[in-house]
N, C-alpha and C. Protein backbone atom coordinates (compact mmCIF):
# COMPACT_ATOMS: atom_id res chain seq x y z
N MET A 1 94.23 31.44 116.72
CA MET A 1 95.16 31.82 117.84
C MET A 1 95.79 30.36 118.50
N LYS A 2 97.02 30.14 118.77
CA LYS A 2 97.76 29.02 119.19
C LYS A 2 98.34 29.30 120.62
N ALA A 3 98.54 28.20 121.49
CA ALA A 3 98.99 28.38 122.73
C ALA A 3 100.04 27.32 122.85
N LYS A 4 100.98 27.66 123.77
CA LYS A 4 102.13 26.74 124.09
C LYS A 4 102.14 26.36 125.57
N ASP A 5 102.50 25.19 125.97
CA ASP A 5 102.66 24.80 127.44
C ASP A 5 104.17 24.85 127.93
N ALA A 6 104.35 24.63 128.97
CA ALA A 6 105.79 24.87 129.70
C ALA A 6 106.74 24.17 128.91
N ALA A 7 106.41 23.04 128.16
CA ALA A 7 107.66 22.25 127.31
C ALA A 7 107.41 22.60 126.00
N GLY A 8 106.86 23.69 125.66
CA GLY A 8 106.89 24.11 124.19
C GLY A 8 105.99 23.35 123.44
N ASN A 9 105.16 22.65 123.84
CA ASN A 9 104.19 21.96 122.87
C ASN A 9 103.12 23.00 122.35
N GLU A 10 102.89 22.97 121.07
CA GLU A 10 102.00 24.00 120.61
C GLU A 10 100.71 23.32 120.31
N SER A 11 99.56 24.07 120.70
CA SER A 11 98.06 23.50 120.45
C SER A 11 97.64 23.79 119.01
N ALA A 12 96.57 23.20 118.55
CA ALA A 12 95.93 23.46 117.28
C ALA A 12 95.42 24.87 117.43
N ALA A 13 95.32 25.37 116.19
CA ALA A 13 94.84 26.71 116.18
C ALA A 13 93.12 26.74 116.40
N SER A 14 93.05 27.92 117.32
CA SER A 14 91.56 27.97 117.55
C SER A 14 90.90 28.71 116.35
N SER A 15 89.48 28.77 116.49
CA SER A 15 88.71 29.39 115.41
C SER A 15 88.96 30.83 115.68
N THR A 16 88.76 31.68 114.45
CA THR A 16 88.88 33.19 114.40
C THR A 16 87.61 33.72 115.10
N LEU A 17 87.58 34.79 115.94
CA LEU A 17 86.62 35.41 116.53
C LEU A 17 86.49 36.75 115.86
N ASN A 18 85.34 36.95 115.06
CA ASN A 18 85.01 38.28 114.38
C ASN A 18 84.33 39.15 115.32
N VAL A 19 84.61 40.34 115.69
CA VAL A 19 84.03 41.22 116.45
C VAL A 19 83.59 42.50 115.59
N THR A 20 82.36 43.04 115.73
CA THR A 20 81.72 44.05 115.07
C THR A 20 81.23 45.07 116.03
N THR A 21 81.85 46.20 115.99
CA THR A 21 81.35 47.26 117.10
C THR A 21 80.02 48.04 116.24
N ALA A 22 79.29 48.28 117.12
CA ALA A 22 78.07 49.07 116.74
C ALA A 22 78.26 50.44 116.55
N GLY A 23 77.88 51.26 115.50
CA GLY A 23 77.96 52.62 115.45
C GLY A 23 76.76 53.20 115.77
N ALA A 24 76.79 54.57 115.91
CA ALA A 24 75.57 55.30 116.04
C ALA A 24 74.75 55.30 114.80
N SER A 25 73.56 55.26 115.20
CA SER A 25 72.65 55.27 113.99
C SER A 25 72.41 56.71 113.15
N SER A 26 72.54 56.52 111.95
CA SER A 26 72.49 57.67 111.26
C SER A 26 71.12 57.73 110.23
N THR A 27 70.31 56.85 110.78
CA THR A 27 68.95 56.67 109.87
C THR A 27 67.89 56.67 110.86
N TYR A 28 66.75 57.26 110.61
CA TYR A 28 65.57 57.36 111.55
C TYR A 28 64.31 56.93 110.83
N ASP A 29 63.50 56.33 111.52
CA ASP A 29 62.12 55.90 110.99
C ASP A 29 61.16 56.94 111.38
N VAL A 30 60.47 57.40 110.41
CA VAL A 30 59.16 58.24 110.71
C VAL A 30 57.81 57.53 110.22
N LYS A 31 57.09 58.07 110.97
CA LYS A 31 55.60 57.42 110.51
C LYS A 31 54.76 58.54 110.15
N LEU A 32 54.06 58.39 109.12
CA LEU A 32 52.89 59.48 108.55
C LEU A 32 51.71 58.68 108.77
N ARG A 33 50.71 59.42 109.59
CA ARG A 33 49.47 58.95 109.74
C ARG A 33 48.56 59.99 109.04
N ILE A 34 47.92 59.37 108.16
CA ILE A 34 46.91 60.21 107.37
C ILE A 34 45.41 59.81 107.70
N THR A 35 44.59 60.70 108.12
CA THR A 35 43.16 60.38 108.15
C THR A 35 42.57 61.09 107.03
N PHE A 36 41.93 60.49 106.12
CA PHE A 36 41.41 61.14 105.03
C PHE A 36 40.20 61.84 105.35
N ASP A 37 39.83 62.77 104.35
CA ASP A 37 38.26 63.39 104.03
C ASP A 37 37.60 62.41 103.47
N ASN A 38 36.45 62.83 102.73
CA ASN A 38 35.54 62.08 101.79
C ASN A 38 36.06 61.94 100.29
N TYR A 39 37.39 62.50 100.21
CA TYR A 39 37.91 62.21 98.85
C TYR A 39 39.45 61.98 98.77
N PRO A 40 39.68 60.78 99.29
CA PRO A 40 40.95 60.33 99.41
C PRO A 40 41.96 60.34 98.02
N GLU A 41 40.96 60.21 96.85
CA GLU A 41 41.52 60.21 95.52
C GLU A 41 42.19 61.76 95.08
N GLU A 42 41.95 62.63 96.09
CA GLU A 42 42.50 64.05 95.76
C GLU A 42 43.89 64.24 96.54
N THR A 43 44.33 63.23 97.51
CA THR A 43 45.38 63.42 98.61
C THR A 43 46.57 62.79 98.26
N SER A 44 47.60 63.68 98.10
CA SER A 44 48.84 63.04 97.98
C SER A 44 50.10 63.79 98.86
N TRP A 45 51.14 63.29 98.77
CA TRP A 45 52.25 63.89 99.76
C TRP A 45 53.81 63.50 99.09
N GLU A 46 54.70 64.32 99.48
CA GLU A 46 55.97 64.07 99.20
C GLU A 46 57.01 64.78 100.33
N ILE A 47 58.11 63.89 100.69
CA ILE A 47 59.04 64.52 101.35
C ILE A 47 60.41 64.85 100.71
N LYS A 48 60.78 66.30 100.77
CA LYS A 48 61.92 66.67 100.06
C LYS A 48 63.25 66.72 100.93
N ASP A 49 64.33 66.53 100.37
CA ASP A 49 65.47 66.82 101.18
C ASP A 49 65.93 68.23 101.12
N SER A 50 67.11 68.71 101.73
CA SER A 50 67.62 69.96 101.88
C SER A 50 68.11 70.45 100.37
N ASN A 51 68.22 69.56 99.55
CA ASN A 51 68.39 69.87 98.06
C ASN A 51 67.22 70.01 97.17
N ASN A 52 66.02 69.95 97.94
CA ASN A 52 64.63 70.01 97.10
C ASN A 52 64.43 68.69 96.32
N GLN A 53 65.11 67.70 96.55
CA GLN A 53 65.01 66.59 95.84
C GLN A 53 63.94 65.47 96.68
N VAL A 54 62.94 65.02 95.81
CA VAL A 54 61.93 64.14 96.66
C VAL A 54 62.55 62.90 96.95
N VAL A 55 62.37 62.60 98.25
CA VAL A 55 63.02 61.18 98.83
C VAL A 55 61.89 59.98 99.02
N HIS A 56 60.80 60.48 99.28
CA HIS A 56 59.52 59.59 99.49
C HIS A 56 58.36 60.47 98.98
N SER A 57 57.40 59.74 98.62
CA SER A 57 56.07 60.23 98.17
C SER A 57 55.10 59.24 98.28
N GLY A 58 53.80 59.63 98.07
CA GLY A 58 52.64 58.66 98.18
C GLY A 58 51.38 59.50 97.58
N GLY A 59 50.53 58.57 97.09
CA GLY A 59 49.05 59.12 96.74
C GLY A 59 49.14 59.39 95.17
N THR A 60 47.97 59.60 94.74
CA THR A 60 46.65 59.59 95.38
C THR A 60 46.19 58.41 95.86
N TYR A 61 45.00 58.39 96.58
CA TYR A 61 44.50 56.99 97.28
C TYR A 61 43.16 56.80 96.86
N PRO A 62 42.91 56.48 95.62
CA PRO A 62 41.42 56.26 95.24
C PRO A 62 40.96 55.03 95.88
N SER A 63 41.78 53.97 96.21
CA SER A 63 41.24 52.68 96.89
C SER A 63 40.87 52.90 98.36
N GLN A 64 41.27 53.96 98.91
CA GLN A 64 41.26 53.99 100.38
C GLN A 64 39.67 54.44 100.75
N PRO A 65 39.02 53.92 101.82
CA PRO A 65 37.61 54.42 102.09
C PRO A 65 37.53 55.74 102.44
N ASP A 66 36.63 56.48 102.16
CA ASP A 66 36.34 57.65 102.69
C ASP A 66 36.48 57.72 104.30
N GLY A 67 37.38 58.78 104.84
CA GLY A 67 37.47 59.02 106.20
C GLY A 67 38.23 57.91 106.74
N SER A 68 38.99 56.96 106.13
CA SER A 68 39.74 55.88 106.76
C SER A 68 41.13 56.59 107.24
N THR A 69 41.89 55.76 108.00
CA THR A 69 43.23 56.20 108.33
C THR A 69 44.26 55.19 107.92
N LEU A 70 45.42 55.81 107.40
CA LEU A 70 46.48 54.94 106.87
C LEU A 70 47.76 55.45 107.55
N ASN A 71 48.59 54.38 107.88
CA ASN A 71 49.71 54.64 108.54
C ASN A 71 51.00 54.12 107.62
N ILE A 72 52.06 54.98 107.41
CA ILE A 72 53.07 54.66 106.34
C ILE A 72 54.49 55.01 107.32
N THR A 73 55.31 54.04 107.33
CA THR A 73 56.69 54.18 107.74
C THR A 73 57.76 54.31 106.80
N LYS A 74 58.41 55.26 106.82
CA LYS A 74 59.67 55.68 105.99
C LYS A 74 60.91 55.78 106.84
N THR A 75 62.04 55.63 106.04
CA THR A 75 63.35 55.77 106.80
C THR A 75 63.95 56.97 106.15
N LEU A 76 64.61 57.82 107.00
CA LEU A 76 65.39 59.13 106.51
C LEU A 76 66.71 59.00 107.06
N ASP A 77 67.65 59.52 106.35
CA ASP A 77 68.98 59.92 106.80
C ASP A 77 68.79 61.16 107.78
N ALA A 78 69.71 61.25 108.80
CA ALA A 78 69.78 62.31 109.70
C ALA A 78 69.80 63.69 108.76
N GLY A 79 69.14 64.68 109.04
CA GLY A 79 69.00 66.04 108.03
C GLY A 79 67.75 66.57 108.34
N CYS A 80 67.52 67.60 107.59
CA CYS A 80 66.37 68.55 107.63
C CYS A 80 65.53 68.32 106.16
N TYR A 81 64.23 68.32 106.38
CA TYR A 81 63.43 67.95 105.32
C TYR A 81 62.28 68.78 104.98
N THR A 82 61.53 68.61 104.05
CA THR A 82 60.19 69.29 103.88
C THR A 82 59.13 68.35 103.54
N LEU A 83 58.03 68.25 104.29
CA LEU A 83 56.69 67.61 104.03
C LEU A 83 55.78 68.44 103.21
N VAL A 84 55.44 68.17 102.00
CA VAL A 84 54.45 68.66 101.14
C VAL A 84 53.31 67.85 101.14
N PHE A 85 52.22 68.36 101.85
CA PHE A 85 50.88 67.77 101.63
C PHE A 85 49.95 68.26 100.74
N LYS A 86 49.36 67.51 99.77
CA LYS A 86 48.68 68.17 98.59
C LYS A 86 47.32 67.76 98.70
N ASP A 87 46.35 68.67 98.10
CA ASP A 87 44.90 68.33 97.79
C ASP A 87 44.79 68.69 96.45
N SER A 88 44.41 67.92 95.36
CA SER A 88 44.16 68.28 93.99
C SER A 88 43.15 69.23 93.78
N TYR A 89 42.02 69.00 94.66
CA TYR A 89 40.86 69.92 94.31
C TYR A 89 41.02 71.33 95.01
N GLY A 90 42.03 71.51 95.85
CA GLY A 90 42.26 72.73 96.62
C GLY A 90 41.56 73.11 97.69
N ASP A 91 40.88 72.20 98.41
CA ASP A 91 40.11 72.44 99.61
C ASP A 91 40.67 71.60 100.76
N GLY A 92 41.87 71.26 100.77
CA GLY A 92 42.43 70.51 102.07
C GLY A 92 41.73 69.15 102.35
N ILE A 93 41.98 68.80 103.66
CA ILE A 93 41.31 67.70 103.93
C ILE A 93 40.53 67.80 105.20
N CYS A 94 40.37 68.98 105.43
CA CYS A 94 39.38 69.33 106.71
C CYS A 94 38.96 70.93 106.28
N CYS A 95 37.83 71.34 106.69
CA CYS A 95 36.77 70.41 107.13
C CYS A 95 35.42 70.63 106.51
N SER A 96 35.51 70.92 105.17
CA SER A 96 34.22 70.94 104.22
C SER A 96 33.58 69.66 104.07
N HIS A 97 34.50 68.69 103.77
CA HIS A 97 33.93 67.30 103.31
C HIS A 97 34.76 66.22 103.97
N GLY A 98 34.51 66.28 105.40
CA GLY A 98 35.09 65.32 106.19
C GLY A 98 36.15 65.84 107.24
N ASN A 99 36.72 65.15 108.04
CA ASN A 99 37.46 65.66 109.30
C ASN A 99 38.85 65.04 109.09
N GLY A 100 39.55 65.16 108.04
CA GLY A 100 40.87 64.67 107.69
C GLY A 100 41.97 65.52 108.34
N SER A 101 43.14 64.70 108.55
CA SER A 101 44.33 65.35 109.12
C SER A 101 45.54 64.57 108.79
N TYR A 102 46.79 64.98 109.01
CA TYR A 102 47.98 64.21 108.86
C TYR A 102 48.89 64.55 109.97
N GLU A 103 49.62 63.51 110.36
CA GLU A 103 50.74 63.77 111.42
C GLU A 103 51.93 62.97 111.13
N LEU A 104 53.07 63.41 111.12
CA LEU A 104 54.44 62.93 110.97
C LEU A 104 55.00 62.95 112.28
N THR A 105 55.39 61.68 112.63
CA THR A 105 56.18 61.40 114.06
C THR A 105 57.53 60.79 113.89
N ASN A 106 58.29 60.90 114.88
CA ASN A 106 59.59 59.99 115.10
C ASN A 106 59.01 58.72 115.57
N SER A 107 59.42 57.61 114.71
CA SER A 107 58.88 56.27 115.18
C SER A 107 59.40 55.78 116.50
N THR A 108 60.63 56.31 117.07
CA THR A 108 61.19 55.77 118.05
C THR A 108 60.78 56.67 119.27
N SER A 109 60.99 57.97 119.18
CA SER A 109 60.51 58.98 120.22
C SER A 109 59.05 59.27 120.34
N GLY A 110 58.34 59.22 119.32
CA GLY A 110 57.00 59.60 119.27
C GLY A 110 56.68 61.10 119.03
N ALA A 111 57.98 61.81 119.00
CA ALA A 111 57.81 63.44 118.87
C ALA A 111 57.17 63.54 117.39
N VAL A 112 56.22 64.64 117.59
CA VAL A 112 55.66 65.14 116.30
C VAL A 112 56.52 65.93 115.67
N LEU A 113 56.63 65.78 114.34
CA LEU A 113 57.60 66.53 113.36
C LEU A 113 56.70 67.57 112.72
N ALA A 114 55.61 67.08 112.23
CA ALA A 114 54.88 67.88 111.43
C ALA A 114 53.42 67.55 111.39
N SER A 115 52.41 68.29 111.34
CA SER A 115 51.03 67.93 111.32
C SER A 115 50.28 69.11 110.65
N GLY A 116 49.06 68.76 110.31
CA GLY A 116 48.24 69.68 109.56
C GLY A 116 46.68 69.09 109.20
N ALA A 117 45.97 69.83 108.72
CA ALA A 117 44.46 69.59 108.41
C ALA A 117 43.94 70.42 107.46
N SER A 118 43.70 71.84 107.89
CA SER A 118 43.01 72.76 107.12
C SER A 118 44.08 73.47 106.26
N PHE A 119 43.89 73.34 104.88
CA PHE A 119 44.64 74.12 103.92
C PHE A 119 44.07 74.21 102.67
N THR A 120 44.61 74.60 101.59
CA THR A 120 44.01 74.65 100.34
C THR A 120 44.48 73.64 99.29
N SER A 121 45.47 74.01 98.38
CA SER A 121 46.28 73.13 97.51
C SER A 121 47.36 72.36 98.22
N GLU A 122 48.08 73.14 98.89
CA GLU A 122 49.38 72.50 99.56
C GLU A 122 49.48 72.96 101.04
N ASP A 123 50.15 72.14 101.67
CA ASP A 123 50.49 72.48 103.17
C ASP A 123 51.94 71.97 103.35
N THR A 124 52.75 72.94 103.60
CA THR A 124 54.24 72.70 103.60
C THR A 124 54.92 72.82 104.88
N LYS A 125 55.54 71.79 105.43
CA LYS A 125 56.04 72.01 106.81
C LYS A 125 57.61 71.56 106.77
N ASN A 126 58.52 72.09 107.52
CA ASN A 126 59.91 71.90 107.67
C ASN A 126 60.21 71.03 108.95
N PHE A 127 60.98 70.11 108.76
CA PHE A 127 61.23 69.23 110.04
C PHE A 127 62.62 68.71 109.93
N CYS A 128 63.15 68.27 111.22
CA CYS A 128 64.56 67.61 111.13
C CYS A 128 64.59 66.35 111.88
N VAL A 129 65.48 65.46 111.63
CA VAL A 129 65.48 64.18 112.19
C VAL A 129 67.10 64.20 112.49
N GLY A 130 67.38 63.51 113.77
CA GLY A 130 68.69 63.42 114.29
C GLY A 130 69.05 64.73 114.72
N ASN A 131 70.53 65.03 114.98
CA ASN A 131 71.00 66.33 115.56
C ASN A 131 71.44 67.39 114.35
N ALA A 132 70.71 67.24 113.31
CA ALA A 132 71.13 68.00 112.30
C ALA A 132 70.81 69.53 112.58
N ALA A 133 69.66 69.75 113.04
CA ALA A 133 69.31 71.12 113.28
C ALA A 133 70.40 71.70 114.27
N MET A 134 70.58 71.10 115.38
CA MET A 134 71.55 71.60 116.21
C MET A 134 72.86 71.79 115.80
N HIS A 135 73.30 70.77 115.00
CA HIS A 135 74.77 70.98 114.36
C HIS A 135 74.65 72.32 113.44
N ASN A 136 73.78 72.40 112.66
CA ASN A 136 73.63 73.51 111.68
C ASN A 136 73.68 74.88 112.49
N LEU A 137 73.31 74.93 113.70
CA LEU A 137 73.32 76.07 114.56
C LEU A 137 74.81 76.50 114.97
N ASN A 138 75.55 75.65 114.94
CA ASN A 138 76.84 75.72 115.18
C ASN A 138 77.87 76.21 114.18
N THR A 139 77.44 76.49 112.99
CA THR A 139 78.16 76.96 111.98
C THR A 139 78.06 78.35 111.88
N ASP A 140 79.13 79.29 111.83
CA ASP A 140 78.95 80.86 111.82
C ASP A 140 77.82 81.45 112.63
N VAL A 141 77.80 80.85 113.98
CA VAL A 141 76.81 81.45 114.72
C VAL A 141 77.37 82.22 115.85
N LYS A 142 76.63 83.22 116.21
CA LYS A 142 76.92 84.10 117.64
C LYS A 142 75.65 83.36 118.44
N THR A 143 76.03 83.21 119.81
CA THR A 143 75.14 82.61 120.93
C THR A 143 75.07 83.71 121.92
N ASP A 144 75.94 84.93 122.05
CA ASP A 144 75.88 85.89 123.04
C ASP A 144 74.54 86.73 123.14
N ILE A 145 73.87 86.51 124.16
CA ILE A 145 72.66 87.15 124.44
C ILE A 145 72.67 88.60 124.38
N GLU A 146 73.99 89.10 124.58
CA GLU A 146 74.05 90.48 124.71
C GLU A 146 74.71 91.17 123.28
N SER A 147 74.76 90.13 122.50
CA SER A 147 75.33 90.69 121.06
C SER A 147 74.60 91.95 120.47
N SER A 148 75.34 93.05 120.25
CA SER A 148 74.93 94.45 119.50
C SER A 148 74.14 94.03 118.09
N ASP A 149 74.45 92.84 117.57
CA ASP A 149 74.04 92.57 116.10
C ASP A 149 72.50 92.38 116.18
N ILE A 150 72.08 91.68 117.25
CA ILE A 150 70.61 91.36 117.37
C ILE A 150 70.17 91.36 118.76
N VAL A 151 68.99 91.93 118.91
CA VAL A 151 68.31 91.93 120.33
C VAL A 151 66.95 91.29 120.34
N ILE A 152 66.83 90.50 121.16
CA ILE A 152 65.57 89.79 121.32
C ILE A 152 64.81 90.17 122.69
N HIS A 153 63.51 90.58 122.60
CA HIS A 153 63.07 90.73 123.86
C HIS A 153 61.56 90.53 123.74
N PRO A 154 60.69 90.38 124.64
CA PRO A 154 61.15 90.24 126.08
C PRO A 154 61.61 88.69 126.43
N VAL A 155 62.38 88.67 127.42
CA VAL A 155 63.08 87.47 127.75
C VAL A 155 62.90 87.25 129.23
N PRO A 156 62.13 86.21 129.82
CA PRO A 156 61.63 85.15 128.88
C PRO A 156 60.24 85.77 128.10
N ALA A 157 59.88 85.13 127.04
CA ALA A 157 58.89 85.53 126.24
C ALA A 157 57.44 84.73 126.52
N LYS A 158 56.56 84.99 126.12
CA LYS A 158 55.19 84.47 126.36
C LYS A 158 54.47 84.28 125.11
N ASP A 159 53.83 85.35 124.50
CA ASP A 159 52.95 85.20 123.26
C ASP A 159 53.69 85.69 121.90
N PHE A 160 54.68 86.26 122.19
CA PHE A 160 55.49 87.09 120.95
C PHE A 160 56.97 87.39 121.38
N ILE A 161 57.74 87.65 120.30
CA ILE A 161 59.13 88.28 120.70
C ILE A 161 59.22 89.41 119.61
N ILE A 162 60.12 90.32 119.84
CA ILE A 162 60.54 91.54 119.21
C ILE A 162 61.86 91.40 118.84
N ILE A 163 62.37 91.28 117.55
CA ILE A 163 63.75 91.24 117.27
C ILE A 163 64.00 92.50 116.56
N ARG A 164 65.19 92.82 117.19
CA ARG A 164 65.82 94.19 116.77
C ARG A 164 67.26 93.98 116.26
N MET A 165 67.44 94.42 114.93
CA MET A 165 68.80 94.13 114.13
C MET A 165 68.89 95.15 113.20
N ASN A 166 70.20 95.44 112.77
CA ASN A 166 70.47 96.55 111.98
C ASN A 166 69.81 96.51 110.76
N ASN A 167 69.68 95.42 110.07
CA ASN A 167 69.22 95.39 108.68
C ASN A 167 68.22 94.22 108.59
N PHE A 168 67.01 94.22 108.32
CA PHE A 168 66.11 93.23 108.05
C PHE A 168 66.12 92.65 106.68
N ASN A 169 66.76 93.40 105.60
CA ASN A 169 66.72 93.05 104.21
C ASN A 169 67.24 91.74 103.83
N GLY A 170 66.38 90.95 103.40
CA GLY A 170 66.76 89.47 102.76
C GLY A 170 67.01 88.47 103.88
N SER A 171 66.66 89.00 105.24
CA SER A 171 66.87 87.88 106.23
C SER A 171 65.76 87.09 106.65
N THR A 172 65.95 85.85 107.03
CA THR A 172 65.00 84.80 107.38
C THR A 172 65.17 84.50 108.79
N TYR A 173 64.18 83.78 109.21
CA TYR A 173 64.29 83.15 110.79
C TYR A 173 63.68 81.97 110.97
N ARG A 174 64.27 81.11 111.91
CA ARG A 174 63.73 79.87 112.38
C ARG A 174 63.74 79.79 113.67
N ILE A 175 62.44 79.26 114.25
CA ILE A 175 62.57 78.82 115.71
C ILE A 175 62.41 77.39 115.77
N ILE A 176 63.57 76.92 116.58
CA ILE A 176 63.85 75.40 116.80
C ILE A 176 63.64 75.06 118.03
N ASN A 177 62.77 73.93 118.33
CA ASN A 177 62.78 73.39 119.67
C ASN A 177 63.90 72.40 119.91
N LYS A 178 64.09 71.93 121.41
CA LYS A 178 65.18 71.11 121.64
C LYS A 178 65.08 69.84 121.08
N ALA A 179 64.04 69.38 120.50
CA ALA A 179 64.09 68.17 119.62
C ALA A 179 64.78 68.27 118.36
N GLY A 180 65.07 69.54 117.86
CA GLY A 180 65.26 69.73 116.51
C GLY A 180 64.37 70.09 115.50
N GLN A 181 63.08 70.36 116.05
CA GLN A 181 62.02 70.50 115.15
C GLN A 181 62.00 72.02 114.85
N ILE A 182 61.73 72.34 113.45
CA ILE A 182 61.47 73.93 113.35
C ILE A 182 60.02 74.11 113.42
N VAL A 183 59.66 74.86 114.33
CA VAL A 183 58.27 75.26 114.87
C VAL A 183 57.71 76.62 114.15
N ARG A 184 58.61 77.33 113.74
CA ARG A 184 58.18 78.57 113.08
C ARG A 184 59.53 78.96 112.05
N ASN A 185 59.18 79.61 110.99
CA ASN A 185 60.04 80.13 110.16
C ASN A 185 59.40 80.93 109.01
N GLY A 186 60.20 81.75 108.55
CA GLY A 186 59.63 82.70 107.50
C GLY A 186 60.70 83.76 107.31
N LYS A 187 60.25 84.93 106.54
CA LYS A 187 61.21 86.11 106.19
C LYS A 187 60.88 87.08 107.15
N MET A 188 61.92 87.89 107.53
CA MET A 188 61.79 89.01 108.55
C MET A 188 61.29 90.20 107.80
N SER A 189 60.10 90.05 107.56
CA SER A 189 59.35 91.38 107.00
C SER A 189 58.93 92.24 107.99
N LYS A 190 59.06 92.02 109.23
CA LYS A 190 58.67 92.86 110.28
C LYS A 190 59.30 92.22 111.53
N ASN A 191 59.55 92.99 112.70
CA ASN A 191 60.45 92.54 113.89
C ASN A 191 59.54 91.85 114.96
N ARG A 192 58.16 91.52 114.68
CA ARG A 192 57.65 90.85 115.81
C ARG A 192 57.25 89.40 115.15
N ILE A 193 57.41 88.61 115.94
CA ILE A 193 57.14 87.09 115.70
C ILE A 193 56.08 86.52 116.69
N GLU A 194 55.02 86.03 116.22
CA GLU A 194 54.01 85.61 117.16
C GLU A 194 54.41 84.06 117.57
N LEU A 195 54.22 83.75 118.71
CA LEU A 195 54.63 82.50 119.45
C LEU A 195 53.36 81.65 120.11
N ASN A 196 52.17 82.14 119.71
CA ASN A 196 51.07 81.58 120.32
C ASN A 196 50.95 80.10 119.98
N ASN A 197 50.51 79.29 120.84
CA ASN A 197 50.29 77.89 120.68
C ASN A 197 51.57 77.01 120.60
N LEU A 198 52.61 77.59 121.08
CA LEU A 198 53.92 76.91 121.28
C LEU A 198 54.05 76.64 122.87
N PRO A 199 54.42 75.46 123.32
CA PRO A 199 54.40 75.08 124.58
C PRO A 199 55.57 75.76 125.28
N SER A 200 55.72 75.82 126.49
CA SER A 200 56.80 76.63 127.21
C SER A 200 58.01 75.73 127.12
N GLY A 201 59.01 76.37 127.23
CA GLY A 201 60.29 75.62 127.32
C GLY A 201 61.40 76.44 126.67
N MET A 202 62.57 75.72 126.28
CA MET A 202 63.72 76.22 125.66
C MET A 202 63.72 76.11 123.92
N TYR A 203 64.00 77.29 123.39
CA TYR A 203 64.11 77.30 122.08
C TYR A 203 65.21 77.96 121.44
N PHE A 204 65.66 77.79 120.11
CA PHE A 204 66.68 78.67 119.58
C PHE A 204 66.01 79.39 118.33
N VAL A 205 66.48 80.74 118.45
CA VAL A 205 65.89 81.65 117.23
C VAL A 205 66.98 81.80 116.57
N SER A 206 67.16 81.45 115.24
CA SER A 206 68.28 81.61 114.32
C SER A 206 67.68 82.57 113.01
N VAL A 207 68.58 83.68 112.95
CA VAL A 207 68.29 84.71 112.09
C VAL A 207 69.51 84.81 111.04
N LYS A 208 69.11 84.57 109.68
CA LYS A 208 70.13 84.46 108.82
C LYS A 208 70.11 85.48 107.86
N SER A 209 71.19 86.18 107.52
CA SER A 209 71.22 87.23 106.50
C SER A 209 72.17 86.64 105.39
N ASP A 210 72.53 87.52 104.45
CA ASP A 210 73.44 87.27 103.41
C ASP A 210 74.90 87.03 104.02
N THR A 211 75.32 87.55 105.08
CA THR A 211 76.55 87.45 105.28
C THR A 211 76.75 86.56 106.74
N LYS A 212 75.78 86.27 107.37
CA LYS A 212 76.03 85.41 108.58
C LYS A 212 74.64 85.00 109.23
N THR A 213 74.89 84.01 110.07
CA THR A 213 73.54 83.60 110.91
C THR A 213 74.03 83.87 112.38
N ILE A 214 73.03 84.30 112.91
CA ILE A 214 72.98 84.63 114.49
C ILE A 214 71.99 83.93 115.16
N THR A 215 72.29 83.15 116.30
CA THR A 215 71.28 82.22 116.88
C THR A 215 71.47 82.59 118.24
N LYS A 216 70.29 82.55 119.06
CA LYS A 216 70.26 82.95 120.44
C LYS A 216 69.10 81.94 121.10
N LYS A 217 69.38 81.63 122.36
CA LYS A 217 68.35 80.90 123.07
C LYS A 217 67.28 81.67 123.44
N LEU A 218 65.95 81.03 123.52
CA LEU A 218 64.78 81.67 123.84
C LEU A 218 64.20 80.87 125.03
N ILE A 219 63.71 81.49 126.06
CA ILE A 219 62.96 80.80 127.11
C ILE A 219 61.51 81.20 126.68
N LEU A 220 60.69 80.29 126.62
CA LEU A 220 58.90 80.67 126.54
C LEU A 220 58.42 80.09 127.79
N LYS A 221 57.78 81.11 128.48
CA LYS A 221 57.06 80.62 129.67
C LYS A 221 55.61 80.46 129.42
């Protein structure tokens, strides 16, 4: 950049200033804490994206001491994923041969995305990072609590909800908390969904059929 004085004299060019604007983060660090049972050589895990492609994996861990704890940090793009925790012997990591467990958290907020301990060969948990889950709810969704397509009661709920809709065939459901974590999901084989062990607060119930998705707010007291 150059400047001129009143007499028209021109100064030497100044150095160029480069400015970079910071954009919103689209990646998120997650931390996987594994406490092994007495057989770390049987333990492995993988994280799959929404296309069922493995994006991170680890194990088995024959060099880990029995009962030790391992912390692993990975980076994920905003979106929804599946954590698959495996035990090759088929007796999980708790509680026959040690007191093992695992927990996946958002490294920044500390929010628990998935956890487990007692299972057989595999333990599968769905989770989301970023606003992916909330954005997904805005696609082909009805939020009218009085919609005749689906009725949820009691409202507010406590230990369970009853979902009434015209046709359950082929429908699936997801219950998502305000942090975007999927806390319950499955097939709509019956109209009662248990909510025990969920903390009180606001959730979203999303029911998906072949033709549309209907989502409603749920208050759990």
